[in-house]
Amino acid sequence: MIIKGKLMWHRDKISKWSKKYETTLTQLSPEDVAKLEATGGDVKSEEGSVGRDGLPNKEGYGRYIVCKSKNGLPPAMDAKQHPIPPTLSLGNGTYVKASVNPYDWNYEGRKGISFGCNKIQVLELVEYAGGTDEFGDEDGTDITELGFSNDTEFNGSDTGGTFNIDDIDEEAVA
């Protein structure tokens, strides 16, 4: 079945919660919601959706589905059906046409119908550019002046490794 919506969380990593690749299709039209609900599948709503912190977390999603796969992300093509290379990341808000299919699941005594995504056609691309660097250089400590190298890139989730006071170049500090 073909539906249209905006992508959110189209990630190339396995979700730590579902242990699958996930693609969320948001802002679904009433017609697409009716087609999806006719399968018995779970079409979610942003209303009443809260995160682990208790705050609303699906604002702007409208009606949406989360497509899951054990076999990687669905292949993507542009509006003219040219394959999109894996080096081009689809960002949140990318408007797509998607081929989805319902499937039955049974896990730890719970049952339901969810959706898989077979293929995505990008109609309006919002390219994911990575995290934004919220920091600029400031006056203060510069670890390179203490004899440490600055050859690793900080991605916001690194701890920076282990700090060992014995690694400080005493002459650089003096």
C-alpha atoms as a PDB file:
ATOM      1  CA  MET A   1       0.000   0.000   0.000  1.00  0.00           C
ATOM      2  CA  ILE A   2       1.282   3.486  -0.876  1.00  0.00           C
ATOM      3  CA  ILE A   3       1.049   6.356   1.626  1.00  0.00           C
ATOM      4  CA  LYS A   4       2.619   9.816   1.939  1.00  0.00           C
ATOM      5  CA  GLY A   5       4.044  11.550   4.979  1.00  0.00           C
ATOM      6  CA  LYS A   6       7.064  13.159   6.573  1.00  0.00           C
ATOM      7  CA  LEU A   7       9.971  11.079   7.806  1.00  0.00           C
ATOM      8  CA  MET A   8      11.155  11.291  11.385  1.00  0.00           C
ATOM      9  CA  TRP A   9      13.874   9.136  12.911  1.00  0.00           C
ATOM     10  CA  HIS A  10      14.912   7.413   9.702  1.00  0.00           C
ATOM     11  CA  ARG A  11      18.038   5.944  11.266  1.00  0.00           C
ATOM     12  CA  ASP A  12      20.686   3.649   9.965  1.00  0.00           C
ATOM     13  CA  LYS A  13      21.220   2.119  13.393  1.00  0.00           C
ATOM     14  CA  ILE A  14      19.214  -0.475  15.254  1.00  0.00           C
ATOM     15  CA  SER A  15      16.906   1.031  17.874  1.00  0.00           C
ATOM     16  CA  LYS A  16      17.944   0.139  21.399  1.00  0.00           C
ATOM     17  CA  TRP A  17      14.265  -0.270  22.320  1.00  0.00           C
ATOM     18  CA  SER A  18      12.864  -2.383  19.478  1.00  0.00           C
ATOM     19  CA  LYS A  19      16.168  -3.990  18.400  1.00  0.00           C
ATOM     20  CA  LYS A  20      15.161  -3.195  14.788  1.00  0.00           C
ATOM     21  CA  TYR A  21      15.711  -0.494  12.202  1.00  0.00           C
ATOM     22  CA  GLU A  22      12.936   2.097  12.417  1.00  0.00           C
ATOM     23  CA  THR A  23      11.398   4.674  10.110  1.00  0.00           C
ATOM     24  CA  THR A  24       8.605   6.871  11.439  1.00  0.00           C
ATOM     25  CA  LEU A  25       6.113   8.276   8.911  1.00  0.00           C
ATOM     26  CA  THR A  26       4.255  11.295  10.301  1.00  0.00           C
ATOM     27  CA  GLN A  27       1.543  13.781   9.277  1.00  0.00           C
ATOM     28  CA  LEU A  28      -0.474  11.084   7.522  1.00  0.00           C
ATOM     29  CA  SER A  29      -3.581  12.187   5.624  1.00  0.00           C
ATOM     30  CA  PRO A  30      -7.041  11.035   6.800  1.00  0.00           C
ATOM     31  CA  GLU A  31      -7.264   8.882   3.643  1.00  0.00           C
ATOM     32  CA  ASP A  32      -3.959   7.139   4.395  1.00  0.00           C
ATOM     33  CA  VAL A  33      -4.927   6.683   8.053  1.00  0.00           C
ATOM     34  CA  ALA A  34      -8.164   4.997   6.913  1.00  0.00           C
ATOM     35  CA  LYS A  35      -6.217   2.619   4.605  1.00  0.00           C
ATOM     36  CA  LEU A  36      -3.788   1.729   7.395  1.00  0.00           C
ATOM     37  CA  GLU A  37      -6.498   1.267  10.036  1.00  0.00           C
ATOM     38  CA  ALA A  38      -8.437  -0.996   7.640  1.00  0.00           C
ATOM     39  CA  THR A  39      -5.574  -3.517   8.016  1.00  0.00           C
ATOM     40  CA  GLY A  40      -6.018  -3.557  11.794  1.00  0.00           C
ATOM     41  CA  GLY A  41      -2.586  -1.969  12.211  1.00  0.00           C
ATOM     42  CA  ASP A  42      -1.570   0.465  14.917  1.00  0.00           C
ATOM     43  CA  VAL A  43      -1.796   4.081  13.706  1.00  0.00           C
ATOM     44  CA  LYS A  44      -0.588   6.322  16.503  1.00  0.00           C
ATOM     45  CA  SER A  45      -1.572   9.879  17.388  1.00  0.00           C
ATOM     46  CA  GLU A  46       0.580  12.656  18.816  1.00  0.00           C
ATOM     47  CA  GLU A  47      -2.177  13.452  21.322  1.00  0.00           C
ATOM     48  CA  GLY A  48      -1.294  12.162  24.769  1.00  0.00           C
ATOM     49  CA  SER A  49       2.114  10.907  23.651  1.00  0.00           C
ATOM     50  CA  VAL A  50       4.738  11.579  26.308  1.00  0.00           C
ATOM     51  CA  GLY A  51       8.414  10.767  26.579  1.00  0.00           C
ATOM     52  CA  ARG A  52      10.287   9.089  29.388  1.00  0.00           C
ATOM     53  CA  ASP A  53      10.629  12.518  31.014  1.00  0.00           C
ATOM     54  CA  GLY A  54       6.826  12.957  31.116  1.00  0.00           C
ATOM     55  CA  LEU A  55       6.854  15.789  28.549  1.00  0.00           C
ATOM     56  CA  PRO A  56       4.993  15.721  25.206  1.00  0.00           C
ATOM     57  CA  ASN A  57       7.341  14.229  22.631  1.00  0.00           C
ATOM     58  CA  LYS A  58       5.444  13.842  19.368  1.00  0.00           C
ATOM     59  CA  GLU A  59       4.430  17.430  18.735  1.00  0.00           C
ATOM     60  CA  GLY A  60       3.855  17.968  15.024  1.00  0.00           C
ATOM     61  CA  TYR A  61       3.595  14.252  14.231  1.00  0.00           C
ATOM     62  CA  GLY A  62      -0.203  14.220  13.756  1.00  0.00           C
ATOM     63  CA  ARG A  63      -1.209  10.632  12.964  1.00  0.00           C
ATOM     64  CA  TYR A  64       1.833   8.422  12.381  1.00  0.00           C
ATOM     65  CA  ILE A  65       3.212   4.903  12.095  1.00  0.00           C
ATOM     66  CA  VAL A  66       6.552   3.418  13.078  1.00  0.00           C
ATOM     67  CA  CYS A  67       7.821   1.003  10.426  1.00  0.00           C
ATOM     68  CA  LYS A  68      10.279  -1.602  11.709  1.00  0.00           C
ATOM     69  CA  SER A  69      12.657  -3.992   9.991  1.00  0.00           C
ATOM     70  CA  LYS A  70      15.282  -6.514  11.034  1.00  0.00           C
ATOM     71  CA  ASN A  71      16.932  -6.255   7.597  1.00  0.00           C
ATOM     72  CA  GLY A  72      18.059  -2.635   7.393  1.00  0.00           C
ATOM     73  CA  LEU A  73      16.467   0.551   6.183  1.00  0.00           C
ATOM     74  CA  PRO A  74      14.231   0.433   3.115  1.00  0.00           C
ATOM     75  CA  PRO A  75      15.809   1.460  -0.188  1.00  0.00           C
ATOM     76  CA  ALA A  76      15.189   5.087  -1.116  1.00  0.00           C
ATOM     77  CA  MET A  77      14.888   6.820  -4.483  1.00  0.00           C
ATOM     78  CA  ASP A  78      14.319  10.391  -5.568  1.00  0.00           C
ATOM     79  CA  ALA A  79      11.193  11.751  -7.261  1.00  0.00           C
ATOM     80  CA  LYS A  80      12.540  10.592 -10.658  1.00  0.00           C
ATOM     81  CA  GLN A  81      13.250   7.070  -9.301  1.00  0.00           C
ATOM     82  CA  HIS A  82      17.042   7.451  -9.127  1.00  0.00           C
ATOM     83  CA  PRO A  83      18.522   5.485  -6.189  1.00  0.00           C
ATOM     84  CA  ILE A  84      19.601   7.664  -3.271  1.00  0.00           C
ATOM     85  CA  PRO A  85      23.147   6.778  -2.190  1.00  0.00           C
ATOM     86  CA  PRO A  86      23.636   5.620   1.410  1.00  0.00           C
ATOM     87  CA  THR A  87      25.956   8.591   1.982  1.00  0.00           C
ATOM     88  CA  LEU A  88      22.961  10.953   1.698  1.00  0.00           C
ATOM     89  CA  SER A  89      21.066  10.880   4.987  1.00  0.00           C
ATOM     90  CA  LEU A  90      17.348  11.675   4.945  1.00  0.00           C
ATOM     91  CA  GLY A  91      16.604  14.216   7.653  1.00  0.00           C
ATOM     92  CA  ASN A  92      13.548  14.768   9.810  1.00  0.00           C
ATOM     93  CA  GLY A  93      10.784  16.423   7.809  1.00  0.00           C
ATOM     94  CA  THR A  94      11.686  14.826   4.462  1.00  0.00           C
ATOM     95  CA  TYR A  95       8.387  14.428   2.564  1.00  0.00           C
ATOM     96  CA  VAL A  96       8.047  10.945   1.060  1.00  0.00           C
ATOM     97  CA  LYS A  97       5.802   8.463  -0.655  1.00  0.00           C
ATOM     98  CA  ALA A  98       6.286   5.055   0.954  1.00  0.00           C
ATOM     99  CA  SER A  99       5.314   1.486   0.176  1.00  0.00           C
ATOM    100  CA  VAL A 100       4.297  -0.121   3.480  1.00  0.00           C
ATOM    101  CA  ASN A 101       2.923  -3.502   4.448  1.00  0.00           C
ATOM    102  CA  PRO A 102       1.157  -4.698   7.601  1.00  0.00           C
ATOM    103  CA  TYR A 103       2.520  -7.719   9.457  1.00  0.00           C
ATOM    104  CA  ASP A 104       1.355  -9.706  12.474  1.00  0.00           C
ATOM    105  CA  TRP A 105       3.578  -9.925  15.526  1.00  0.00           C
ATOM    106  CA  ASN A 106       3.505 -11.879  18.760  1.00  0.00           C
ATOM    107  CA  TYR A 107       5.994 -11.013  21.500  1.00  0.00           C
ATOM    108  CA  GLU A 108       5.972 -12.156  25.132  1.00  0.00           C
ATOM    109  CA  GLY A 109       2.238 -12.849  25.087  1.00  0.00           C
ATOM    110  CA  ARG A 110       1.309  -9.606  23.343  1.00  0.00           C
ATOM    111  CA  LYS A 111      -0.014  -9.548  19.774  1.00  0.00           C
ATOM    112  CA  GLY A 112      -0.651  -6.880  17.210  1.00  0.00           C
ATOM    113  CA  ILE A 113      -0.251  -5.640  13.673  1.00  0.00           C
ATOM    114  CA  SER A 114       2.598  -3.298  12.804  1.00  0.00           C
ATOM    115  CA  PHE A 115       4.004  -1.983   9.549  1.00  0.00           C
ATOM    116  CA  GLY A 116       7.124  -2.573   7.527  1.00  0.00           C
ATOM    117  CA  CYS A 117       8.418  -0.175   4.898  1.00  0.00           C
ATOM    118  CA  ASN A 118       9.403  -1.706   1.556  1.00  0.00           C
ATOM    119  CA  LYS A 119      10.618   1.370  -0.321  1.00  0.00           C
ATOM    120  CA  ILE A 120      10.712   5.158  -0.023  1.00  0.00           C
ATOM    121  CA  GLN A 121      10.409   7.778  -2.754  1.00  0.00           C
ATOM    122  CA  VAL A 122      11.702  11.184  -1.654  1.00  0.00           C
ATOM    123  CA  LEU A 123       9.483  14.004  -2.892  1.00  0.00           C
ATOM    124  CA  GLU A 124      11.030  16.858  -0.851  1.00  0.00           C
ATOM    125  CA  LEU A 125      14.427  16.243   0.717  1.00  0.00           C
ATOM    126  CA  VAL A 126      15.555  17.642   4.038  1.00  0.00           C
ATOM    127  CA  GLU A 127      19.151  16.491   4.248  1.00  0.00           C
ATOM    128  CA  TYR A 128      20.424  15.423   7.658  1.00  0.00           C
ATOM    129  CA  ALA A 129      23.557  17.407   8.361  1.00  0.00           C
ATOM    130  CA  GLY A 130      24.494  15.842  11.694  1.00  0.00           C
ATOM    131  CA  GLY A 131      24.370  17.444  15.062  1.00  0.00           C
ATOM    132  CA  THR A 132      24.922  21.146  15.287  1.00  0.00           C
ATOM    133  CA  ASP A 133      27.942  22.457  17.104  1.00  0.00           C
ATOM    134  CA  GLU A 134      26.476  24.686  19.761  1.00  0.00           C
ATOM    135  CA  PHE A 135      29.883  25.683  21.107  1.00  0.00           C
ATOM    136  CA  GLY A 136      32.492  28.069  19.780  1.00  0.00           C
ATOM    137  CA  ASP A 137      36.023  28.637  21.072  1.00  0.00           C
ATOM    138  CA  GLU A 138      36.213  30.337  24.446  1.00  0.00           C
ATOM    139  CA  ASP A 139      38.972  31.684  26.662  1.00  0.00           C
ATOM    140  CA  GLY A 140      39.989  29.014  29.156  1.00  0.00           C
ATOM    141  CA  THR A 141      41.603  25.598  29.354  1.00  0.00           C
ATOM    142  CA  ASP A 142      43.149  24.260  26.146  1.00  0.00           C
ATOM    143  CA  ILE A 143      44.182  20.630  26.560  1.00  0.00           C
ATOM    144  CA  THR A 144      46.725  20.920  23.750  1.00  0.00           C
ATOM    145  CA  GLU A 145      48.668  23.336  25.997  1.00  0.00           C
ATOM    146  CA  LEU A 146      48.809  20.535  28.587  1.00  0.00           C
ATOM    147  CA  GLY A 147      50.414  18.137  26.141  1.00  0.00           C
ATOM    148  CA  PHE A 148      47.296  16.238  25.056  1.00  0.00           C
ATOM    149  CA  SER A 149      46.599  15.733  21.385  1.00  0.00           C
ATOM    150  CA  ASN A 150      43.353  16.908  19.887  1.00  0.00           C
ATOM    151  CA  ASP A 151      43.077  14.235  17.182  1.00  0.00           C
ATOM    152  CA  THR A 152      39.675  12.810  18.107  1.00  0.00           C
ATOM    153  CA  GLU A 153      36.363  14.335  17.140  1.00  0.00           C
ATOM    154  CA  PHE A 154      33.841  14.899  19.902  1.00  0.00           C
ATOM    155  CA  ASN A 155      30.370  13.797  18.789  1.00  0.00           C
ATOM    156  CA  GLY A 156      28.358  14.720  21.839  1.00  0.00           C
ATOM    157  CA  SER A 157      28.168  11.201  23.237  1.00  0.00           C
ATOM    158  CA  ASP A 158      31.859  10.449  23.719  1.00  0.00           C
ATOM    159  CA  THR A 159      33.237  10.611  27.207  1.00  0.00           C
ATOM    160  CA  GLY A 160      36.599  11.639  25.832  1.00  0.00           C
ATOM    161  CA  GLY A 161      38.337   8.572  27.183  1.00  0.00           C
ATOM    162  CA  THR A 162      40.227   8.250  30.422  1.00  0.00           C
ATOM    163  CA  PHE A 163      42.092  11.202  31.853  1.00  0.00           C
ATOM    164  CA  ASN A 164      45.406  10.278  33.439  1.00  0.00           C
ATOM    165  CA  ILE A 165      47.182  13.027  35.368  1.00  0.00           C
ATOM    166  CA  ASP A 166      50.527  11.294  34.676  1.00  0.00           C
ATOM    167  CA  ASP A 167      50.063  12.000  30.938  1.00  0.00           C
ATOM    168  CA  ILE A 168      50.465  15.771  31.382  1.00  0.00           C
ATOM    169  CA  ASP A 169      53.591  17.228  29.817  1.00  0.00           C
ATOM    170  CA  GLU A 170      55.073  19.128  32.788  1.00  0.00           C
ATOM    171  CA  GLU A 171      57.042  21.493  30.539  1.00  0.00           C
ATOM    172  CA  ALA A 172      53.896  22.526  28.637  1.00  0.00           C
ATOM    173  CA  VAL A 173      52.206  23.483  31.910  1.00  0.00           C
ATOM    174  CA  ALA A 174      55.095  25.522  33.306  1.00  0.00           C
END
